Amino acid sequence: HISLALAYDGLGMKNRSRQAYTTVLRLDAH
């Protein structure tokens, strides 16, 4: 999910990138 967030960021898809990082924090709050 972190790598996917980076890929979305590279594509300029900021909203999807944010969602991917939010998913990570849901899986690992720390």
All heavy atoms as atom14 arrays in JSON, in Angstrom:
{
  "sequence": "HISLALAYDGLGMKNRSRQAYTTVLRLDAH",
  "atom14_mask": [
    [1, 1, 1, 1, 1, 1, 1, 1, 1, 1, 0, 0, 0, 0],
    [1, 1, 1, 1, 1, 1, 1, 1, 0, 0, 0, 0, 0, 0],
    [1, 1, 1, 1, 1, 1, 0, 0, 0, 0, 0, 0, 0, 0],
    [1, 1, 1, 1, 1, 1, 1, 1, 0, 0, 0, 0, 0, 0],
    [1, 1, 1, 1, 1, 0, 0, 0, 0, 0, 0, 0, 0, 0],
    [1, 1, 1, 1, 1, 1, 1, 1, 0, 0, 0, 0, 0, 0],
    [1, 1, 1, 1, 1, 0, 0, 0, 0, 0, 0, 0, 0, 0],
    [1, 1, 1, 1, 1, 1, 1, 1, 1, 1, 1, 1, 0, 0],
    [1, 1, 1, 1, 1, 1, 1, 1, 0, 0, 0, 0, 0, 0],
    [1, 1, 1, 1, 0, 0, 0, 0, 0, 0, 0, 0, 0, 0],
    [1, 1, 1, 1, 1, 1, 1, 1, 0, 0, 0, 0, 0, 0],
    [1, 1, 1, 1, 0, 0, 0, 0, 0, 0, 0, 0, 0, 0],
    [1, 1, 1, 1, 1, 1, 1, 1, 0, 0, 0, 0, 0, 0],
    [1, 1, 1, 1, 1, 1, 1, 1, 1, 0, 0, 0, 0, 0],
    [1, 1, 1, 1, 1, 1, 1, 1, 0, 0, 0, 0, 0, 0],
    [1, 1, 1, 1, 1, 1, 1, 1, 1, 1, 1, 0, 0, 0],
    [1, 1, 1, 1, 1, 1, 0, 0, 0, 0, 0, 0, 0, 0],
    [1, 1, 1, 1, 1, 1, 1, 1, 1, 1, 1, 0, 0, 0],
    [1, 1, 1, 1, 1, 1, 1, 1, 1, 0, 0, 0, 0, 0],
    [1, 1, 1, 1, 1, 0, 0, 0, 0, 0, 0, 0, 0, 0],
    [1, 1, 1, 1, 1, 1, 1, 1, 1, 1, 1, 1, 0, 0],
    [1, 1, 1, 1, 1, 1, 1, 0, 0, 0, 0, 0, 0, 0],
    [1, 1, 1, 1, 1, 1, 1, 0, 0, 0, 0, 0, 0, 0],
    [1, 1, 1, 1, 1, 1, 1, 0, 0, 0, 0, 0, 0, 0],
    [1, 1, 1, 1, 1, 1, 1, 1, 0, 0, 0, 0, 0, 0],
    [1, 1, 1, 1, 1, 1, 1, 1, 1, 1, 1, 0, 0, 0],
    [1, 1, 1, 1, 1, 1, 1, 1, 0, 0, 0, 0, 0, 0],
    [1, 1, 1, 1, 1, 1, 1, 1, 0, 0, 0, 0, 0, 0],
    [1, 1, 1, 1, 1, 0, 0, 0, 0, 0, 0, 0, 0, 0],
    [1, 1, 1, 1, 1, 1, 1, 1, 1, 1, 0, 0, 0, 0]
  ],
  "atom14_positions": [
    [[0.83, -1.21, 0.0], [0.0, 0.0, 0.0], [0.86, 1.27, 0.0], [0.5, 2.27, -0.63], [-0.94, 0.0, 1.2], [-2.19, -0.81, 1.01], [-3.18, -0.42, 0.14], [-2.61, -1.98, 1.56], [-4.16, -1.3, 0.16], [-3.84, -2.27, 1.02], [0.0, 0.0, 0.0], [0.0, 0.0, 0.0], [0.0, 0.0, 0.0], [0.0, 0.0, 0.0]],
    [[2.0, 1.22, 0.7], [2.9, 2.39, 0.7], [3.46, 2.61, -0.71], [3.49, 3.74, -1.21], [4.03, 2.2, 1.72], [3.48, 2.31, 3.14], [5.14, 3.23, 1.5], [4.48, 2.0, 4.23], [0.0, 0.0, 0.0], [0.0, 0.0, 0.0], [0.0, 0.0, 0.0], [0.0, 0.0, 0.0], [0.0, 0.0, 0.0], [0.0, 0.0, 0.0]],
    [[3.88, 1.52, -1.35], [4.4, 1.63, -2.72], [3.3, 2.11, -3.67], [3.56, 2.91, -4.58], [4.95, 0.28, -3.19], [6.07, -0.1, -2.43], [0.0, 0.0, 0.0], [0.0, 0.0, 0.0], [0.0, 0.0, 0.0], [0.0, 0.0, 0.0], [0.0, 0.0, 0.0], [0.0, 0.0, 0.0], [0.0, 0.0, 0.0], [0.0, 0.0, 0.0]],
    [[2.08, 1.63, -3.45], [0.97, 2.07, -4.29], [0.71, 3.56, -4.09], [0.44, 4.29, -5.07], [-0.28, 1.26, -3.93], [-1.53, 1.47, -4.78], [-1.24, 1.23, -6.26], [-2.66, 0.56, -4.3], [0.0, 0.0, 0.0], [0.0, 0.0, 0.0], [0.0, 0.0, 0.0], [0.0, 0.0, 0.0], [0.0, 0.0, 0.0], [0.0, 0.0, 0.0]],
    [[0.82, 4.04, -2.86], [0.65, 5.47, -2.58], [1.7, 6.28, -3.34], [1.4, 7.35, -3.9], [0.76, 5.73, -1.08], [0.0, 0.0, 0.0], [0.0, 0.0, 0.0], [0.0, 0.0, 0.0], [0.0, 0.0, 0.0], [0.0, 0.0, 0.0], [0.0, 0.0, 0.0], [0.0, 0.0, 0.0], [0.0, 0.0, 0.0], [0.0, 0.0, 0.0]],
    [[2.94, 5.78, -3.35], [4.01, 6.47, -4.09], [3.73, 6.48, -5.58], [3.99, 7.48, -6.27], [5.35, 5.79, -3.79], [5.87, 5.92, -2.35], [7.07, 5.0, -2.14], [6.24, 7.36, -2.05], [0.0, 0.0, 0.0], [0.0, 0.0, 0.0], [0.0, 0.0, 0.0], [0.0, 0.0, 0.0], [0.0, 0.0, 0.0], [0.0, 0.0, 0.0]],
    [[3.2, 5.37, -6.09], [2.88, 5.31, -7.52], [1.78, 6.31, -7.87], [1.87, 7.04, -8.87], [2.44, 3.89, -7.89], [0.0, 0.0, 0.0], [0.0, 0.0, 0.0], [0.0, 0.0, 0.0], [0.0, 0.0, 0.0], [0.0, 0.0, 0.0], [0.0, 0.0, 0.0], [0.0, 0.0, 0.0], [0.0, 0.0, 0.0], [0.0, 0.0, 0.0]],
    [[0.73, 6.35, -7.04], [-0.35, 7.32, -7.28], [0.18, 8.75, -7.22], [-0.22, 9.61, -8.01], [-1.45, 7.14, -6.23], [-2.33, 5.92, -6.43], [-2.77, 5.17, -5.34], [-2.74, 5.53, -7.71], [-3.6, 4.07, -5.52], [-3.56, 4.42, -7.89], [-3.99, 3.7, -6.79], [-4.81, 2.61, -6.97], [0.0, 0.0, 0.0], [0.0, 0.0, 0.0]],
    [[1.07, 9.0, -6.28], [1.65, 10.34, -6.16], [2.41, 10.7, -7.43], [2.34, 11.82, -7.93], [2.57, 10.39, -4.94], [3.0, 11.81, -4.6], [2.26, 12.75, -4.92], [4.09, 11.98, -4.03], [0.0, 0.0, 0.0], [0.0, 0.0, 0.0], [0.0, 0.0, 0.0], [0.0, 0.0, 0.0], [0.0, 0.0, 0.0], [0.0, 0.0, 0.0]],
    [[3.16, 9.72, -7.95], [3.91, 9.95, -9.19], [3.01, 10.22, -10.38], [3.42, 10.88, -11.34], [0.0, 0.0, 0.0], [0.0, 0.0, 0.0], [0.0, 0.0, 0.0], [0.0, 0.0, 0.0], [0.0, 0.0, 0.0], [0.0, 0.0, 0.0], [0.0, 0.0, 0.0], [0.0, 0.0, 0.0], [0.0, 0.0, 0.0], [0.0, 0.0, 0.0]],
    [[1.78, 9.72, -10.31], [0.81, 9.94, -11.39], [-0.01, 11.2, -11.17], [-0.9, 11.52, -11.97], [-0.13, 8.72, -11.49], [0.51, 7.42, -11.99], [-0.43, 6.24, -11.75], [0.86, 7.53, -13.48], [0.0, 0.0, 0.0], [0.0, 0.0, 0.0], [0.0, 0.0, 0.0], [0.0, 0.0, 0.0], [0.0, 0.0, 0.0], [0.0, 0.0, 0.0]],
    [[0.26, 11.9, -10.06], [-0.5, 13.1, -9.75], [-1.88, 12.82, -9.18], [-2.72, 13.72, -9.1], [0.0, 0.0, 0.0], [0.0, 0.0, 0.0], [0.0, 0.0, 0.0], [0.0, 0.0, 0.0], [0.0, 0.0, 0.0], [0.0, 0.0, 0.0], [0.0, 0.0, 0.0], [0.0, 0.0, 0.0], [0.0, 0.0, 0.0], [0.0, 0.0, 0.0]],
    [[-2.11, 11.57, -8.76], [-3.41, 11.17, -8.22], [-3.35, 11.32, -6.69], [-3.25, 10.36, -5.94], [-3.75, 9.74, -8.64], [-3.76, 9.57, -10.17], [-3.83, 7.85, -10.72], [-5.51, 7.43, -10.32], [0.0, 0.0, 0.0], [0.0, 0.0, 0.0], [0.0, 0.0, 0.0], [0.0, 0.0, 0.0], [0.0, 0.0, 0.0], [0.0, 0.0, 0.0]],
    [[-3.38, 12.57, -6.24], [-3.16, 12.88, -4.83], [-4.21, 12.25, -3.91], [-3.89, 11.76, -2.83], [-3.14, 14.39, -4.62], [-2.12, 15.14, -5.49], [-0.7, 14.71, -5.15], [0.31, 15.52, -5.96], [1.69, 15.06, -5.73], [0.0, 0.0, 0.0], [0.0, 0.0, 0.0], [0.0, 0.0, 0.0], [0.0, 0.0, 0.0], [0.0, 0.0, 0.0]],
    [[-5.46, 12.28, -4.35], [-6.52, 11.74, -3.5], [-6.33, 10.25, -3.27], [-6.46, 9.75, -2.15], [-7.89, 12.01, -4.14], [-9.03, 11.65, -3.2], [-8.99, 11.95, -2.02], [-10.04, 10.97, -3.73], [0.0, 0.0, 0.0], [0.0, 0.0, 0.0], [0.0, 0.0, 0.0], [0.0, 0.0, 0.0], [0.0, 0.0, 0.0], [0.0, 0.0, 0.0]],
    [[-5.99, 9.52, -4.34], [-5.77, 8.08, -4.19], [-4.52, 7.79, -3.35], [-4.49, 6.82, -2.59], [-5.62, 7.43, -5.58], [-6.92, 7.29, -6.32], [-6.79, 6.29, -7.45], [-8.05, 6.1, -8.14], [-8.24, 5.18, -9.08], [-7.23, 4.4, -9.46], [-9.42, 5.04, -9.66], [0.0, 0.0, 0.0], [0.0, 0.0, 0.0], [0.0, 0.0, 0.0]],
    [[-3.54, 8.64, -3.49], [-2.33, 8.47, -2.68], [-2.67, 8.63, -1.2], [-2.24, 7.84, -0.35], [-1.27, 9.49, -3.09], [-0.07, 9.3, -2.38], [0.0, 0.0, 0.0], [0.0, 0.0, 0.0], [0.0, 0.0, 0.0], [0.0, 0.0, 0.0], [0.0, 0.0, 0.0], [0.0, 0.0, 0.0], [0.0, 0.0, 0.0], [0.0, 0.0, 0.0]],
    [[-3.46, 9.65, -0.89], [-3.87, 9.87, 0.5], [-4.67, 8.67, 1.02], [-4.48, 8.24, 2.16], [-4.7, 11.15, 0.63], [-3.91, 12.43, 0.38], [-4.67, 13.64, 0.93], [-6.02, 13.76, 0.4], [-6.34, 14.39, -0.72], [-5.4, 14.97, -1.44], [-7.6, 14.46, -1.12], [0.0, 0.0, 0.0], [0.0, 0.0, 0.0], [0.0, 0.0, 0.0]],
    [[-5.55, 8.13, 0.18], [-6.36, 6.99, 0.59], [-5.48, 5.77, 0.89], [-5.74, 5.03, 1.84], [-7.38, 6.65, -0.5], [-8.5, 7.67, -0.63], [-9.41, 7.39, -1.82], [-9.16, 6.47, -2.61], [-10.47, 8.19, -1.95], [0.0, 0.0, 0.0], [0.0, 0.0, 0.0], [0.0, 0.0, 0.0], [0.0, 0.0, 0.0], [0.0, 0.0, 0.0]],
    [[-4.44, 5.59, 0.09], [-3.54, 4.44, 0.3], [-2.81, 4.57, 1.63], [-2.66, 3.59, 2.38], [-2.55, 4.33, -0.86], [0.0, 0.0, 0.0], [0.0, 0.0, 0.0], [0.0, 0.0, 0.0], [0.0, 0.0, 0.0], [0.0, 0.0, 0.0], [0.0, 0.0, 0.0], [0.0, 0.0, 0.0], [0.0, 0.0, 0.0], [0.0, 0.0, 0.0]],
    [[-2.33, 5.78, 1.94], [-1.66, 5.99, 3.23], [-2.64, 5.82, 4.39], [-2.27, 5.29, 5.45], [-1.03, 7.38, 3.28], [0.24, 7.5, 2.47], [0.38, 8.51, 1.53], [1.29, 6.61, 2.66], [1.54, 8.64, 0.78], [2.45, 6.71, 1.91], [2.58, 7.73, 0.97], [3.73, 7.84, 0.24], [0.0, 0.0, 0.0], [0.0, 0.0, 0.0]],
    [[-3.88, 6.25, 4.2], [-4.89, 6.07, 5.24], [-5.15, 4.59, 5.49], [-5.33, 4.16, 6.64], [-6.21, 6.77, 4.83], [-5.95, 8.17, 4.61], [-7.27, 6.62, 5.9], [0.0, 0.0, 0.0], [0.0, 0.0, 0.0], [0.0, 0.0, 0.0], [0.0, 0.0, 0.0], [0.0, 0.0, 0.0], [0.0, 0.0, 0.0], [0.0, 0.0, 0.0]],
    [[-5.13, 3.8, 4.42], [-5.28, 2.35, 4.56], [-4.14, 1.76, 5.36], [-4.34, 0.9, 6.22], [-5.34, 1.68, 3.17], [-6.46, 2.2, 2.44], [-5.47, 0.16, 3.3], [0.0, 0.0, 0.0], [0.0, 0.0, 0.0], [0.0, 0.0, 0.0], [0.0, 0.0, 0.0], [0.0, 0.0, 0.0], [0.0, 0.0, 0.0], [0.0, 0.0, 0.0]],
    [[-2.94, 2.24, 5.1], [-1.77, 1.76, 5.87], [-1.96, 2.04, 7.36], [-1.73, 1.16, 8.2], [-0.48, 2.44, 5.37], [0.69, 2.1, 6.3], [-0.15, 2.01, 3.96], [0.0, 0.0, 0.0], [0.0, 0.0, 0.0], [0.0, 0.0, 0.0], [0.0, 0.0, 0.0], [0.0, 0.0, 0.0], [0.0, 0.0, 0.0], [0.0, 0.0, 0.0]],
    [[-2.4, 3.24, 7.69], [-2.58, 3.6, 9.1], [-3.74, 2.85, 9.73], [-3.77, 2.66, 10.95], [-2.79, 5.11, 9.23], [-1.55, 5.94, 8.89], [-1.88, 7.43, 8.87], [-0.43, 5.67, 9.88], [0.0, 0.0, 0.0], [0.0, 0.0, 0.0], [0.0, 0.0, 0.0], [0.0, 0.0, 0.0], [0.0, 0.0, 0.0], [0.0, 0.0, 0.0]],
    [[-4.68, 2.39, 8.92], [-5.75, 1.55, 9.45], [-5.2, 0.16, 9.78], [-5.62, -0.47, 10.75], [-6.87, 1.45, 8.41], [-8.2, 1.01, 9.0], [-9.39, 1.37, 8.13], [-9.24, 0.93, 6.75], [-9.24, 1.74, 5.7], [-9.36, 3.04, 5.87], [-9.1, 1.26, 4.49], [0.0, 0.0, 0.0], [0.0, 0.0, 0.0], [0.0, 0.0, 0.0]],
    [[-4.25, -0.29, 8.98], [-3.62, -1.6, 9.21], [-2.56, -1.54, 10.3], [-2.34, -2.5, 11.04], [-2.98, -2.12, 7.91], [-3.94, -2.4, 6.75], [-3.14, -2.65, 5.47], [-4.82, -3.61, 7.06], [0.0, 0.0, 0.0], [0.0, 0.0, 0.0], [0.0, 0.0, 0.0], [0.0, 0.0, 0.0], [0.0, 0.0, 0.0], [0.0, 0.0, 0.0]],
    [[-1.88, -0.39, 10.38], [-0.8, -0.22, 11.35], [-0.81, 1.23, 11.83], [-0.24, 2.12, 11.19], [0.56, -0.56, 10.7], [1.73, -0.31, 11.62], [1.51, -0.07, 12.84], [2.89, -0.33, 11.16], [0.0, 0.0, 0.0], [0.0, 0.0, 0.0], [0.0, 0.0, 0.0], [0.0, 0.0, 0.0], [0.0, 0.0, 0.0], [0.0, 0.0, 0.0]],
    [[-1.48, 1.45, 12.97], [-1.69, 2.82, 13.46], [-0.39, 3.52, 13.84], [-0.37, 4.74, 14.0], [-2.63, 2.79, 14.67], [0.0, 0.0, 0.0], [0.0, 0.0, 0.0], [0.0, 0.0, 0.0], [0.0, 0.0, 0.0], [0.0, 0.0, 0.0], [0.0, 0.0, 0.0], [0.0, 0.0, 0.0], [0.0, 0.0, 0.0], [0.0, 0.0, 0.0]],
    [[0.7, 2.77, 13.99], [1.98, 3.36, 14.4], [3.0, 3.41, 13.26], [4.2, 3.52, 13.52], [2.55, 2.58, 15.58], [1.64, 2.55, 16.77], [1.38, 3.66, 17.54], [0.89, 1.55, 17.29], [0.54, 3.34, 18.5], [0.22, 2.07, 18.38], [0.0, 0.0, 0.0], [0.0, 0.0, 0.0], [0.0, 0.0, 0.0], [0.0, 0.0, 0.0]]
  ]
}
